[in-house]
Full PDB file with SEQRES, HELIX, SHEET, SSBOND, CRYST1, ORIGX, SCALE, CONECT and MASTER records, all heavy atoms in Angstrom:
SEQRES   1 A   38  GLU TYR ILE TYR LEU HIS THR GLN ARG ILE ARG LEU GLY          
SEQRES   2 A   38  ALA ALA LEU ALA LEU CYS ALA ALA LEU LEU LEU GLY ASN          
SEQRES   3 A   38  ALA ALA ALA ALA GLN ALA ALA GLY PRO THR PRO THR              
HELIX    1 AA1 LEU A   12  ALA A   21  1                                  10    
HELIX    2 AA2 ALA A   27  GLN A   31  1                                   5    
CRYST1    1.000    1.000    1.000  90.00  90.00  90.00 P 1           1          
ORIGX1      1.000000  0.000000  0.000000        0.00000                         
ORIGX2      0.000000  1.000000  0.000000        0.00000                         
ORIGX3      0.000000  0.000000  1.000000        0.00000                         
SCALE1      1.000000  0.000000  0.000000        0.00000                         
SCALE2      0.000000  1.000000  0.000000        0.00000                         
SCALE3      0.000000  0.000000  1.000000        0.00000                         
ATOM      1  N   GLU A   1      38.219  38.588  34.826  1.00  0.00           N  
ATOM      2  CA  GLU A   1      37.095  38.116  35.619  1.00  0.00           C  
ATOM      3  C   GLU A   1      37.593  37.320  36.830  1.00  0.00           C  
ATOM      4  O   GLU A   1      38.423  36.362  36.662  1.00  0.00           O  
ATOM      5  CB  GLU A   1      36.209  37.245  34.711  1.00  0.00           C  
ATOM      6  CG  GLU A   1      35.030  36.697  35.529  1.00  0.00           C  
ATOM      7  CD  GLU A   1      34.161  35.911  34.726  1.00  0.00           C  
ATOM      8  OE1 GLU A   1      34.519  35.594  33.590  1.00  0.00           O  
ATOM      9  OE2 GLU A   1      33.132  35.360  35.164  1.00  0.00           O  
ATOM     10  N   TYR A   2      37.272  37.777  37.991  1.00  0.00           N  
ATOM     11  CA  TYR A   2      37.734  37.037  39.149  1.00  0.00           C  
ATOM     12  C   TYR A   2      36.602  37.015  40.023  1.00  0.00           C  
ATOM     13  O   TYR A   2      35.806  38.000  40.262  1.00  0.00           O  
ATOM     14  CB  TYR A   2      39.033  37.573  39.759  1.00  0.00           C  
ATOM     15  CG  TYR A   2      38.902  39.021  40.227  1.00  0.00           C  
ATOM     16  CD1 TYR A   2      38.404  39.250  41.384  1.00  0.00           C  
ATOM     17  CD2 TYR A   2      39.333  39.993  39.243  1.00  0.00           C  
ATOM     18  CE1 TYR A   2      38.367  40.700  41.885  1.00  0.00           C  
ATOM     19  CE2 TYR A   2      39.181  41.370  39.693  1.00  0.00           C  
ATOM     20  CZ  TYR A   2      38.763  41.698  40.962  1.00  0.00           C  
ATOM     21  OH  TYR A   2      38.640  42.986  41.261  1.00  0.00           O  
ATOM     22  N   ILE A   3      36.412  35.934  40.722  1.00  0.00           N  
ATOM     23  CA  ILE A   3      35.307  35.720  41.719  1.00  0.00           C  
ATOM     24  C   ILE A   3      35.886  35.489  43.189  1.00  0.00           C  
ATOM     25  O   ILE A   3      36.802  34.723  43.385  1.00  0.00           O  
ATOM     26  CB  ILE A   3      34.498  34.560  41.299  1.00  0.00           C  
ATOM     27  CG1 ILE A   3      33.868  34.767  39.939  1.00  0.00           C  
ATOM     28  CG2 ILE A   3      33.378  34.326  42.375  1.00  0.00           C  
ATOM     29  CD1 ILE A   3      33.225  33.454  39.359  1.00  0.00           C  
ATOM     30  N   TYR A   4      35.364  36.293  44.104  1.00  0.00           N  
ATOM     31  CA  TYR A   4      35.760  36.247  45.455  1.00  0.00           C  
ATOM     32  C   TYR A   4      34.902  35.148  46.115  1.00  0.00           C  
ATOM     33  O   TYR A   4      33.727  35.282  46.237  1.00  0.00           O  
ATOM     34  CB  TYR A   4      35.581  37.554  46.122  1.00  0.00           C  
ATOM     35  CG  TYR A   4      36.642  38.535  45.794  1.00  0.00           C  
ATOM     36  CD1 TYR A   4      36.548  39.388  44.789  1.00  0.00           C  
ATOM     37  CD2 TYR A   4      37.835  38.648  46.487  1.00  0.00           C  
ATOM     38  CE1 TYR A   4      37.478  40.324  44.404  1.00  0.00           C  
ATOM     39  CE2 TYR A   4      38.818  39.442  46.224  1.00  0.00           C  
ATOM     40  CZ  TYR A   4      38.576  40.336  45.171  1.00  0.00           C  
ATOM     41  OH  TYR A   4      39.571  41.256  44.825  1.00  0.00           O  
ATOM     42  N   LEU A   5      35.503  33.976  46.602  1.00  0.00           N  
ATOM     43  CA  LEU A   5      34.849  32.928  47.243  1.00  0.00           C  
ATOM     44  C   LEU A   5      34.519  33.395  48.715  1.00  0.00           C  
ATOM     45  O   LEU A   5      35.198  34.373  49.289  1.00  0.00           O  
ATOM     46  CB  LEU A   5      35.670  31.718  47.157  1.00  0.00           C  
ATOM     47  CG  LEU A   5      36.104  31.298  45.850  1.00  0.00           C  
ATOM     48  CD1 LEU A   5      37.050  30.092  45.868  1.00  0.00           C  
ATOM     49  CD2 LEU A   5      34.863  31.032  44.987  1.00  0.00           C  
ATOM     50  N   HIS A   6      33.601  32.747  49.330  1.00  0.00           N  
ATOM     51  CA  HIS A   6      33.306  33.216  50.626  1.00  0.00           C  
ATOM     52  C   HIS A   6      34.147  32.601  51.758  1.00  0.00           C  
ATOM     53  O   HIS A   6      34.422  33.117  52.860  1.00  0.00           O  
ATOM     54  CB  HIS A   6      31.871  32.881  50.967  1.00  0.00           C  
ATOM     55  CG  HIS A   6      30.894  33.488  49.933  1.00  0.00           C  
ATOM     56  ND1 HIS A   6      30.863  34.869  49.874  1.00  0.00           N  
ATOM     57  CD2 HIS A   6      30.186  32.999  49.108  1.00  0.00           C  
ATOM     58  CE1 HIS A   6      29.940  35.272  48.968  1.00  0.00           C  
ATOM     59  NE2 HIS A   6      29.560  34.061  48.417  1.00  0.00           N  
ATOM     60  N   THR A   7      34.591  31.300  51.608  1.00  0.00           N  
ATOM     61  CA  THR A   7      35.425  30.642  52.575  1.00  0.00           C  
ATOM     62  C   THR A   7      36.623  29.996  52.063  1.00  0.00           C  
ATOM     63  O   THR A   7      36.691  29.769  50.852  1.00  0.00           O  
ATOM     64  CB  THR A   7      34.598  29.680  53.342  1.00  0.00           C  
ATOM     65  OG1 THR A   7      34.047  28.779  52.396  1.00  0.00           O  
ATOM     66  CG2 THR A   7      33.355  30.301  53.997  1.00  0.00           C  
ATOM     67  N   GLN A   8      37.533  29.727  52.870  1.00  0.00           N  
ATOM     68  CA  GLN A   8      38.710  28.865  52.509  1.00  0.00           C  
ATOM     69  C   GLN A   8      39.317  28.246  53.672  1.00  0.00           C  
ATOM     70  O   GLN A   8      39.325  28.840  54.859  1.00  0.00           O  
ATOM     71  CB  GLN A   8      39.854  29.923  51.979  1.00  0.00           C  
ATOM     72  CG  GLN A   8      41.032  29.110  51.325  1.00  0.00           C  
ATOM     73  CD  GLN A   8      42.268  29.903  51.227  1.00  0.00           C  
ATOM     74  OE1 GLN A   8      42.393  30.816  52.011  1.00  0.00           O  
ATOM     75  NE2 GLN A   8      43.020  29.663  50.134  1.00  0.00           N  
ATOM     76  N   ARG A   9      39.702  26.993  53.558  1.00  0.00           N  
ATOM     77  CA  ARG A   9      40.321  26.252  54.693  1.00  0.00           C  
ATOM     78  C   ARG A   9      41.631  26.877  54.888  1.00  0.00           C  
ATOM     79  O   ARG A   9      42.432  27.110  53.895  1.00  0.00           O  
ATOM     80  CB  ARG A   9      40.406  24.870  54.374  1.00  0.00           C  
ATOM     81  CG  ARG A   9      39.749  24.018  55.350  1.00  0.00           C  
ATOM     82  CD  ARG A   9      39.489  22.570  55.178  1.00  0.00           C  
ATOM     83  NE  ARG A   9      40.741  22.019  54.627  1.00  0.00           N  
ATOM     84  CZ  ARG A   9      40.965  20.754  54.201  1.00  0.00           C  
ATOM     85  NH1 ARG A   9      39.934  20.036  53.806  1.00  0.00           N  
ATOM     86  NH2 ARG A   9      42.172  20.255  53.776  1.00  0.00           N  
ATOM     87  N   ILE A  10      42.059  27.221  56.164  1.00  0.00           N  
ATOM     88  CA  ILE A  10      43.359  27.662  56.343  1.00  0.00           C  
ATOM     89  C   ILE A  10      44.543  26.541  56.129  1.00  0.00           C  
ATOM     90  O   ILE A  10      44.223  25.428  56.635  1.00  0.00           O  
ATOM     91  CB  ILE A  10      43.530  28.204  57.906  1.00  0.00           C  
ATOM     92  CG1 ILE A  10      42.518  29.253  58.169  1.00  0.00           C  
ATOM     93  CG2 ILE A  10      44.850  28.610  58.140  1.00  0.00           C  
ATOM     94  CD1 ILE A  10      42.727  30.486  57.240  1.00  0.00           C  
ATOM     95  N   ARG A  11      45.466  26.858  55.477  1.00  0.00           N  
ATOM     96  CA  ARG A  11      46.459  25.946  55.244  1.00  0.00           C  
ATOM     97  C   ARG A  11      47.338  25.807  56.507  1.00  0.00           C  
ATOM     98  O   ARG A  11      48.224  26.514  56.709  1.00  0.00           O  
ATOM     99  CB  ARG A  11      47.498  26.260  54.060  1.00  0.00           C  
ATOM    100  CG  ARG A  11      46.638  26.378  52.748  1.00  0.00           C  
ATOM    101  CD  ARG A  11      47.498  26.922  51.601  1.00  0.00           C  
ATOM    102  NE  ARG A  11      46.992  26.833  50.366  1.00  0.00           N  
ATOM    103  CZ  ARG A  11      46.163  27.762  49.834  1.00  0.00           C  
ATOM    104  NH1 ARG A  11      45.894  28.746  50.535  1.00  0.00           N  
ATOM    105  NH2 ARG A  11      45.736  27.583  48.639  1.00  0.00           N  
ATOM    106  N   LEU A  12      47.082  24.744  57.260  1.00  0.00           N  
ATOM    107  CA  LEU A  12      47.719  24.608  58.648  1.00  0.00           C  
ATOM    108  C   LEU A  12      49.208  24.318  58.443  1.00  0.00           C  
ATOM    109  O   LEU A  12      49.911  24.875  59.420  1.00  0.00           O  
ATOM    110  CB  LEU A  12      47.090  23.413  59.301  1.00  0.00           C  
ATOM    111  CG  LEU A  12      45.561  23.655  59.757  1.00  0.00           C  
ATOM    112  CD1 LEU A  12      45.079  22.485  60.614  1.00  0.00           C  
ATOM    113  CD2 LEU A  12      45.500  24.774  60.665  1.00  0.00           C  
ATOM    114  N   GLY A  13      49.556  23.698  57.403  1.00  0.00           N  
ATOM    115  CA  GLY A  13      51.048  23.331  57.368  1.00  0.00           C  
ATOM    116  C   GLY A  13      51.669  24.670  57.168  1.00  0.00           C  
ATOM    117  O   GLY A  13      52.815  24.885  57.791  1.00  0.00           O  
ATOM    118  N   ALA A  14      51.332  25.529  56.209  1.00  0.00           N  
ATOM    119  CA  ALA A  14      51.878  26.778  56.030  1.00  0.00           C  
ATOM    120  C   ALA A  14      52.011  27.673  57.258  1.00  0.00           C  
ATOM    121  O   ALA A  14      52.924  28.329  57.547  1.00  0.00           O  
ATOM    122  CB  ALA A  14      51.388  27.545  54.775  1.00  0.00           C  
ATOM    123  N   ALA A  15      50.683  27.778  57.870  1.00  0.00           N  
ATOM    124  CA  ALA A  15      50.625  28.485  59.108  1.00  0.00           C  
ATOM    125  C   ALA A  15      51.664  28.098  60.192  1.00  0.00           C  
ATOM    126  O   ALA A  15      52.186  28.967  60.793  1.00  0.00           O  
ATOM    127  CB  ALA A  15      49.238  28.501  59.594  1.00  0.00           C  
ATOM    128  N   LEU A  16      51.725  26.656  60.401  1.00  0.00           N  
ATOM    129  CA  LEU A  16      52.629  26.215  61.420  1.00  0.00           C  
ATOM    130  C   LEU A  16      54.089  26.545  61.065  1.00  0.00           C  
ATOM    131  O   LEU A  16      54.823  26.937  61.942  1.00  0.00           O  
ATOM    132  CB  LEU A  16      52.446  24.782  61.513  1.00  0.00           C  
ATOM    133  CG  LEU A  16      51.274  24.346  62.223  1.00  0.00           C  
ATOM    134  CD1 LEU A  16      50.936  22.747  62.145  1.00  0.00           C  
ATOM    135  CD2 LEU A  16      51.288  24.565  63.726  1.00  0.00           C  
ATOM    136  N   ALA A  17      54.418  26.378  59.811  1.00  0.00           N  
ATOM    137  CA  ALA A  17      55.725  26.680  59.435  1.00  0.00           C  
ATOM    138  C   ALA A  17      56.071  28.184  59.645  1.00  0.00           C  
ATOM    139  O   ALA A  17      57.155  28.596  59.937  1.00  0.00           O  
ATOM    140  CB  ALA A  17      55.959  26.283  57.945  1.00  0.00           C  
ATOM    141  N   LEU A  18      55.061  29.070  59.364  1.00  0.00           N  
ATOM    142  CA  LEU A  18      55.254  30.488  59.456  1.00  0.00           C  
ATOM    143  C   LEU A  18      55.517  30.872  60.965  1.00  0.00           C  
ATOM    144  O   LEU A  18      56.452  31.534  61.264  1.00  0.00           O  
ATOM    145  CB  LEU A  18      54.060  31.241  58.996  1.00  0.00           C  
ATOM    146  CG  LEU A  18      54.063  32.680  59.148  1.00  0.00           C  
ATOM    147  CD1 LEU A  18      55.216  33.346  58.450  1.00  0.00           C  
ATOM    148  CD2 LEU A  18      52.566  33.362  58.803  1.00  0.00           C  
ATOM    149  N   CYS A  19      54.827  30.165  61.818  1.00  0.00           N  
ATOM    150  CA  CYS A  19      54.860  30.410  63.241  1.00  0.00           C  
ATOM    151  C   CYS A  19      56.264  29.985  63.725  1.00  0.00           C  
ATOM    152  O   CYS A  19      57.031  30.616  64.451  1.00  0.00           O  
ATOM    153  CB  CYS A  19      53.819  29.688  64.026  1.00  0.00           C  
ATOM    154  SG  CYS A  19      52.189  30.130  63.595  1.00  0.00           S  
ATOM    155  N   ALA A  20      56.702  28.786  63.250  1.00  0.00           N  
ATOM    156  CA  ALA A  20      57.944  28.192  63.564  1.00  0.00           C  
ATOM    157  C   ALA A  20      59.118  29.080  63.286  1.00  0.00           C  
ATOM    158  O   ALA A  20      60.172  28.985  63.866  1.00  0.00           O  
ATOM    159  CB  ALA A  20      58.104  26.851  63.077  1.00  0.00           C  
ATOM    160  N   ALA A  21      58.994  29.832  62.161  1.00  0.00           N  
ATOM    161  CA  ALA A  21      60.111  30.557  61.663  1.00  0.00           C  
ATOM    162  C   ALA A  21      60.021  32.099  62.018  1.00  0.00           C  
ATOM    163  O   ALA A  21      60.849  32.878  61.515  1.00  0.00           O  
ATOM    164  CB  ALA A  21      60.430  30.323  60.287  1.00  0.00           C  
ATOM    165  N   LEU A  22      58.867  32.553  62.714  1.00  0.00           N  
ATOM    166  CA  LEU A  22      58.757  33.965  62.979  1.00  0.00           C  
ATOM    167  C   LEU A  22      60.156  34.488  63.684  1.00  0.00           C  
ATOM    168  O   LEU A  22      60.549  33.837  64.624  1.00  0.00           O  
ATOM    169  CB  LEU A  22      57.678  34.184  63.890  1.00  0.00           C  
ATOM    170  CG  LEU A  22      56.359  34.531  63.250  1.00  0.00           C  
ATOM    171  CD1 LEU A  22      55.118  34.444  64.295  1.00  0.00           C  
ATOM    172  CD2 LEU A  22      56.297  35.846  62.536  1.00  0.00           C  
ATOM    173  N   LEU A  23      60.531  35.609  63.124  1.00  0.00           N  
ATOM    174  CA  LEU A  23      61.746  36.280  63.647  1.00  0.00           C  
ATOM    175  C   LEU A  23      63.012  35.643  63.285  1.00  0.00           C  
ATOM    176  O   LEU A  23      64.102  36.077  63.455  1.00  0.00           O  
ATOM    177  CB  LEU A  23      61.682  36.355  65.229  1.00  0.00           C  
ATOM    178  CG  LEU A  23      60.375  37.044  65.778  1.00  0.00           C  
ATOM    179  CD1 LEU A  23      60.476  37.168  67.286  1.00  0.00           C  
ATOM    180  CD2 LEU A  23      60.102  38.262  65.111  1.00  0.00           C  
ATOM    181  N   LEU A  24      62.991  34.325  62.647  1.00  0.00           N  
ATOM    182  CA  LEU A  24      64.175  33.727  62.274  1.00  0.00           C  
ATOM    183  C   LEU A  24      64.593  34.197  60.826  1.00  0.00           C  
ATOM    184  O   LEU A  24      65.757  34.434  60.582  1.00  0.00           O  
ATOM    185  CB  LEU A  24      63.963  32.144  62.254  1.00  0.00           C  
ATOM    186  CG  LEU A  24      64.050  31.446  63.598  1.00  0.00           C  
ATOM    187  CD1 LEU A  24      63.699  30.019  63.437  1.00  0.00           C  
ATOM    188  CD2 LEU A  24      65.248  31.792  64.327  1.00  0.00           C  
ATOM    189  N   GLY A  25      63.606  34.422  59.981  1.00  0.00           N  
ATOM    190  CA  GLY A  25      63.752  34.870  58.752  1.00  0.00           C  
ATOM    191  C   GLY A  25      64.233  33.715  57.753  1.00  0.00           C  
ATOM    192  O   GLY A  25      64.264  32.622  58.005  1.00  0.00           O  
ATOM    193  N   ASN A  26      64.777  34.245  56.711  1.00  0.00           N  
ATOM    194  CA  ASN A  26      65.305  33.275  55.636  1.00  0.00           C  
ATOM    195  C   ASN A  26      66.747  33.554  55.434  1.00  0.00           C  
ATOM    196  O   ASN A  26      67.214  34.571  54.888  1.00  0.00           O  
ATOM    197  CB  ASN A  26      64.549  33.647  54.250  1.00  0.00           C  
ATOM    198  CG  ASN A  26      64.853  32.479  53.172  1.00  0.00           C  
ATOM    199  OD1 ASN A  26      65.945  31.952  53.274  1.00  0.00           O  
ATOM    200  ND2 ASN A  26      63.967  32.263  52.275  1.00  0.00           N  
ATOM    201  N   ALA A  27      67.519  32.529  55.837  1.00  0.00           N  
ATOM    202  CA  ALA A  27      68.998  32.823  55.733  1.00  0.00           C  
ATOM    203  C   ALA A  27      69.543  32.996  54.384  1.00  0.00           C  
ATOM    204  O   ALA A  27      70.301  33.769  54.061  1.00  0.00           O  
ATOM    205  CB  ALA A  27      69.791  31.702  56.314  1.00  0.00           C  
ATOM    206  N   ALA A  28      68.834  32.299  53.330  1.00  0.00           N  
ATOM    207  CA  ALA A  28      69.295  32.446  51.969  1.00  0.00           C  
ATOM    208  C   ALA A  28      69.028  33.822  51.513  1.00  0.00           C  
ATOM    209  O   ALA A  28      69.827  34.438  50.769  1.00  0.00           O  
ATOM    210  CB  ALA A  28      68.659  31.325  51.154  1.00  0.00           C  
ATOM    211  N   ALA A  29      67.861  34.302  51.802  1.00  0.00           N  
ATOM    212  CA  ALA A  29      67.550  35.689  51.386  1.00  0.00           C  
ATOM    213  C   ALA A  29      68.505  36.727  52.073  1.00  0.00           C  
ATOM    214  O   ALA A  29      68.720  37.631  51.379  1.00  0.00           O  
ATOM    215  CB  ALA A  29      66.085  35.960  51.613  1.00  0.00           C  
ATOM    216  N   ALA A  30      68.883  36.548  53.372  1.00  0.00           N  
ATOM    217  CA  ALA A  30      69.686  37.392  53.960  1.00  0.00           C  
ATOM    218  C   ALA A  30      70.992  37.491  53.264  1.00  0.00           C  
ATOM    219  O   ALA A  30      71.677  38.566  53.382  1.00  0.00           O  
ATOM    220  CB  ALA A  30      69.823  36.993  55.457  1.00  0.00           C  
ATOM    221  N   GLN A  31      71.427  36.405  52.660  1.00  0.00           N  
ATOM    222  CA  GLN A  31      72.834  36.469  51.990  1.00  0.00           C  
ATOM    223  C   GLN A  31      72.707  37.024  50.597  1.00  0.00           C  
ATOM    224  O   GLN A  31      73.801  37.490  50.090  1.00  0.00           O  
ATOM    225  CB  GLN A  31      73.313  34.964  51.807  1.00  0.00           C  
ATOM    226  CG  GLN A  31      73.642  34.360  53.201  1.00  0.00           C  
ATOM    227  CD  GLN A  31      73.915  32.801  52.997  1.00  0.00           C  
ATOM    228  OE1 GLN A  31      73.868  32.365  51.811  1.00  0.00           O  
ATOM    229  NE2 GLN A  31      74.115  32.139  54.044  1.00  0.00           N  
ATOM    230  N   ALA A  32      71.523  37.134  50.069  1.00  0.00           N  
ATOM    231  CA  ALA A  32      71.283  37.824  48.743  1.00  0.00           C  
ATOM    232  C   ALA A  32      71.348  39.358  48.906  1.00  0.00           C  
ATOM    233  O   ALA A  32      70.512  39.914  49.598  1.00  0.00           O  
ATOM    234  CB  ALA A  32      70.013  37.266  48.135  1.00  0.00           C  
ATOM    235  N   ALA A  33      72.124  40.065  48.165  1.00  0.00           N  
ATOM    236  CA  ALA A  33      72.170  41.438  48.298  1.00  0.00           C  
ATOM    237  C   ALA A  33      70.975  42.025  47.592  1.00  0.00           C  
ATOM    238  O   ALA A  33      70.615  41.647  46.495  1.00  0.00           O  
ATOM    239  CB  ALA A  33      73.499  41.989  47.719  1.00  0.00           C  
ATOM    240  N   GLY A  34      70.381  43.055  48.327  1.00  0.00           N  
ATOM    241  CA  GLY A  34      69.274  43.725  47.682  1.00  0.00           C  
ATOM    242  C   GLY A  34      69.769  44.708  46.733  1.00  0.00           C  
ATOM    243  O   GLY A  34      70.922  45.115  46.610  1.00  0.00           O  
ATOM    244  N   PRO A  35      68.830  45.414  45.997  1.00  0.00           N  
ATOM    245  CA  PRO A  35      69.145  46.452  44.986  1.00  0.00           C  
ATOM    246  C   PRO A  35      69.653  47.682  45.712  1.00  0.00           C  
ATOM    247  O   PRO A  35      69.342  47.973  46.919  1.00  0.00           O  
ATOM    248  CB  PRO A  35      67.889  46.772  44.375  1.00  0.00           C  
ATOM    249  CG  PRO A  35      66.817  46.296  45.223  1.00  0.00           C  
ATOM    250  CD  PRO A  35      67.467  45.126  45.887  1.00  0.00           C  
ATOM    251  N   THR A  36      70.579  48.544  45.102  1.00  0.00           N  
ATOM    252  CA  THR A  36      71.006  49.709  45.740  1.00  0.00           C  
ATOM    253  C   THR A  36      69.818  50.657  46.018  1.00  0.00           C  
ATOM    254  O   THR A  36      69.248  51.038  44.962  1.00  0.00           O  
ATOM    255  CB  THR A  36      72.094  50.351  44.859  1.00  0.00           C  
ATOM    256  OG1 THR A  36      73.105  49.260  44.702  1.00  0.00           O  
ATOM    257  CG2 THR A  36      72.735  51.573  45.522  1.00  0.00           C  
ATOM    258  N   PRO A  37      69.649  51.078  47.097  1.00  0.00           N  
ATOM    259  CA  PRO A  37      68.539  52.102  47.346  1.00  0.00           C  
ATOM    260  C   PRO A  37      68.824  53.435  46.753  1.00  0.00           C  
ATOM    261  O   PRO A  37      69.866  53.909  46.773  1.00  0.00           O  
ATOM    262  CB  PRO A  37      68.300  52.118  48.800  1.00  0.00           C  
ATOM    263  CG  PRO A  37      69.644  51.655  49.386  1.00  0.00           C  
ATOM    264  CD  PRO A  37      70.352  50.760  48.411  1.00  0.00           C  
ATOM    265  N   THR A  38      67.739  54.077  46.273  1.00  0.00           N  
ATOM    266  CA  THR A  38      67.919  55.317  45.813  1.00  0.00           C  
ATOM    267  C   THR A  38      67.815  56.438  46.921  1.00  0.00           C  
ATOM    268  O   THR A  38      67.176  56.169  47.946  1.00  0.00           O  
ATOM    269  CB  THR A  38      66.784  55.666  44.782  1.00  0.00           C  
ATOM    270  OG1 THR A  38      65.452  55.390  45.252  1.00  0.00           O  
ATOM    271  CG2 THR A  38      66.955  54.831  43.470  1.00  0.00           C  
TER     272      THR A  38                                                      
MASTER        0    0    0    2    0    0    0    6  271    1    0    3          
END                                                                             
């Protein structure tokens, strides 16, 4: 059972942080090797 609410306040902190790092990425994730593609 899940209910879809009608409105939600935008999390400005997360949004600003997302903007600030667009195209920069996550250095830690870049260092982690991904799974071998099939």
